[in-house]
């Protein structure tokens, strides 16, 4: 199988965001989730996990 995907890295003015797709095992079933790490210039880190099935809120359908 694949050894995992390359992390997606987004750089903004004040933050760097890493998005890693991970597989979470629940019993025999494996579900995919996104691990989001947001690091700011002060050294703070915010981590969140979102189910991949919900889509990516950061990429909403509103356009830029």
N, C-alpha and C. Protein backbone atom coordinates (compact mmCIF):
# COMPACT_ATOMS: atom_id res chain seq x y z
N UNK A 1 0.83 -1.20 0.00
CA UNK A 1 0.00 0.00 0.00
C UNK A 1 0.86 1.25 0.00
N UNK A 2 0.20 2.39 0.01
CA UNK A 2 0.93 3.65 0.02
C UNK A 2 1.48 3.91 1.41
N UNK A 3 2.61 4.58 1.47
CA UNK A 3 3.24 4.87 2.77
C UNK A 3 2.74 6.18 3.34
N UNK A 4 1.58 6.64 2.93
CA UNK A 4 1.06 7.90 3.45
C UNK A 4 1.31 9.02 2.46
N UNK A 5 0.53 10.06 2.60
CA UNK A 5 0.63 11.16 1.64
C UNK A 5 1.58 12.22 2.16
N UNK A 6 2.06 13.02 1.25
CA UNK A 6 2.89 14.15 1.64
C UNK A 6 1.99 15.16 2.34
N UNK A 7 2.45 15.69 3.47
CA UNK A 7 1.60 16.67 4.16
C UNK A 7 1.38 17.91 3.31
N UNK A 8 0.21 18.48 3.45
CA UNK A 8 -0.10 19.72 2.76
C UNK A 8 0.35 20.84 3.69
N UNK A 9 1.10 21.80 3.17
CA UNK A 9 1.61 22.87 4.01
C UNK A 9 1.13 24.20 3.45
N UNK A 10 0.46 24.98 4.30
CA UNK A 10 0.00 26.30 3.87
C UNK A 10 0.71 27.34 4.71
N UNK A 11 1.27 28.33 4.07
CA UNK A 11 1.97 29.38 4.80
C UNK A 11 1.21 30.68 4.64
N UNK A 12 0.82 31.27 5.77
CA UNK A 12 0.19 32.58 5.74
C UNK A 12 1.17 33.58 6.32
N UNK A 13 0.69 34.80 6.54
CA UNK A 13 1.60 35.82 7.04
C UNK A 13 2.08 35.47 8.44
N UNK A 14 1.18 35.01 9.28
CA UNK A 14 1.54 34.80 10.68
C UNK A 14 1.54 33.34 11.09
N UNK A 15 1.04 32.47 10.25
CA UNK A 15 0.92 31.08 10.66
C UNK A 15 1.39 30.13 9.57
N UNK A 16 1.74 28.93 10.00
CA UNK A 16 2.03 27.84 9.07
C UNK A 16 1.07 26.72 9.44
N UNK A 17 0.38 26.20 8.46
CA UNK A 17 -0.59 25.15 8.72
C UNK A 17 -0.15 23.88 8.00
N UNK A 18 -0.07 22.79 8.77
CA UNK A 18 0.24 21.49 8.20
C UNK A 18 -1.04 20.67 8.21
N UNK A 19 -1.37 20.06 7.08
CA UNK A 19 -2.55 19.20 7.03
C UNK A 19 -2.09 17.80 6.66
N UNK A 20 -2.26 16.86 7.57
CA UNK A 20 -1.85 15.48 7.31
C UNK A 20 -3.08 14.61 7.29
N UNK A 21 -3.17 13.76 6.29
CA UNK A 21 -4.26 12.80 6.24
C UNK A 21 -3.82 11.55 6.98
N UNK A 22 -4.59 11.15 7.97
CA UNK A 22 -4.22 10.00 8.78
C UNK A 22 -5.34 8.97 8.75
N UNK A 23 -5.00 7.74 9.07
CA UNK A 23 -6.01 6.70 9.17
C UNK A 23 -6.20 6.35 10.63
N UNK A 24 -7.44 6.43 11.08
CA UNK A 24 -7.75 6.13 12.47
C UNK A 24 -8.39 4.76 12.51
N UNK A 25 -7.84 3.89 13.34
CA UNK A 25 -8.38 2.54 13.40
C UNK A 25 -9.43 2.43 14.48
N UNK A 26 -10.58 1.92 14.11
CA UNK A 26 -11.62 1.65 15.11
C UNK A 26 -12.02 0.20 14.90
N UNK A 27 -11.55 -0.66 15.78
CA UNK A 27 -11.83 -2.08 15.58
C UNK A 27 -11.21 -2.53 14.28
N UNK A 28 -12.01 -3.13 13.40
CA UNK A 28 -11.46 -3.55 12.12
C UNK A 28 -11.57 -2.47 11.08
N UNK A 29 -12.35 -1.44 11.35
CA UNK A 29 -12.57 -0.43 10.33
C UNK A 29 -11.55 0.67 10.46
N UNK A 30 -11.10 1.17 9.34
CA UNK A 30 -10.20 2.31 9.36
C UNK A 30 -10.90 3.49 8.73
N UNK A 31 -10.94 4.60 9.45
CA UNK A 31 -11.53 5.79 8.86
C UNK A 31 -10.44 6.82 8.64
N UNK A 32 -10.63 7.66 7.67
CA UNK A 32 -9.62 8.66 7.35
C UNK A 32 -9.99 9.97 8.02
N UNK A 33 -9.00 10.64 8.57
CA UNK A 33 -9.22 11.93 9.20
C UNK A 33 -8.10 12.86 8.80
N UNK A 34 -8.33 14.14 8.99
CA UNK A 34 -7.28 15.12 8.71
C UNK A 34 -6.78 15.69 10.02
N UNK A 35 -5.47 15.60 10.20
CA UNK A 35 -4.85 16.19 11.38
C UNK A 35 -4.32 17.55 10.95
N UNK A 36 -4.82 18.60 11.58
CA UNK A 36 -4.45 19.96 11.20
C UNK A 36 -3.64 20.57 12.32
N UNK A 37 -2.42 20.98 12.01
CA UNK A 37 -1.56 21.64 12.99
C UNK A 37 -1.32 23.07 12.53
N UNK A 38 -1.71 24.03 13.37
CA UNK A 38 -1.50 25.43 12.99
C UNK A 38 -0.50 26.04 13.96
N UNK A 39 0.63 26.47 13.43
CA UNK A 39 1.69 27.03 14.26
C UNK A 39 1.78 28.52 13.99
N UNK A 40 1.75 29.33 15.06
CA UNK A 40 1.88 30.76 14.84
C UNK A 40 3.27 31.24 15.21
N UNK A 41 3.53 32.50 14.93
CA UNK A 41 4.88 33.03 15.11
C UNK A 41 5.30 33.09 16.56
N UNK A 42 4.34 33.08 17.48
CA UNK A 42 4.68 33.14 18.90
C UNK A 42 5.08 31.78 19.43
N UNK A 43 4.97 30.76 18.60
CA UNK A 43 5.33 29.42 19.04
C UNK A 43 4.14 28.62 19.50
N UNK A 44 2.96 29.22 19.43
CA UNK A 44 1.77 28.48 19.83
C UNK A 44 1.36 27.49 18.75
N UNK A 45 0.80 26.37 19.18
CA UNK A 45 0.35 25.37 18.22
C UNK A 45 -1.10 25.01 18.53
N UNK A 46 -1.92 25.01 17.50
CA UNK A 46 -3.29 24.54 17.62
C UNK A 46 -3.40 23.26 16.82
N UNK A 47 -3.95 22.23 17.42
CA UNK A 47 -4.11 20.98 16.69
C UNK A 47 -5.59 20.62 16.67
N UNK A 48 -6.06 20.16 15.53
CA UNK A 48 -7.43 19.70 15.46
C UNK A 48 -7.51 18.52 14.50
N UNK A 49 -8.48 17.67 14.74
CA UNK A 49 -8.68 16.52 13.86
C UNK A 49 -10.09 16.63 13.30
N UNK A 50 -10.22 16.54 12.00
CA UNK A 50 -11.54 16.56 11.40
C UNK A 50 -11.75 15.29 10.59
N UNK A 51 -12.92 14.73 10.63
CA UNK A 51 -13.22 13.60 9.75
C UNK A 51 -13.14 14.05 8.30
N UNK A 52 -12.50 13.27 7.48
CA UNK A 52 -12.34 13.66 6.08
C UNK A 52 -13.68 13.64 5.37
N UNK A 53 -14.62 12.87 5.89
CA UNK A 53 -15.90 12.73 5.21
C UNK A 53 -16.72 14.01 5.24
N UNK A 54 -16.40 14.91 6.16
CA UNK A 54 -17.16 16.15 6.26
C UNK A 54 -16.70 17.17 5.24
N UNK A 55 -15.65 16.85 4.50
CA UNK A 55 -15.14 17.84 3.57
C UNK A 55 -14.21 18.79 4.31
N UNK A 56 -13.64 19.74 3.59
CA UNK A 56 -12.66 20.63 4.19
C UNK A 56 -13.26 22.03 4.32
N UNK A 57 -13.57 22.45 5.53
CA UNK A 57 -14.21 23.76 5.73
C UNK A 57 -13.34 24.90 5.22
N UNK A 58 -12.03 24.72 5.24
CA UNK A 58 -11.15 25.80 4.80
C UNK A 58 -11.33 26.09 3.32
N UNK A 59 -11.85 25.11 2.59
CA UNK A 59 -11.98 25.29 1.16
C UNK A 59 -13.42 25.50 0.77
N UNK A 60 -14.22 26.09 1.61
CA UNK A 60 -15.66 26.20 1.38
C UNK A 60 -16.04 26.55 -0.03
N UNK A 61 -17.32 26.66 -0.29
CA UNK A 61 -17.77 26.88 -1.66
C UNK A 61 -18.00 28.36 -1.93
N UNK A 62 -17.53 29.24 -1.06
CA UNK A 62 -17.81 30.67 -1.22
C UNK A 62 -16.83 31.34 -2.16
N UNK A 63 -15.80 30.65 -2.60
CA UNK A 63 -14.79 31.29 -3.45
C UNK A 63 -13.86 32.12 -2.58
N UNK A 64 -12.88 32.82 -3.19
CA UNK A 64 -11.94 33.55 -2.36
C UNK A 64 -12.18 35.04 -2.42
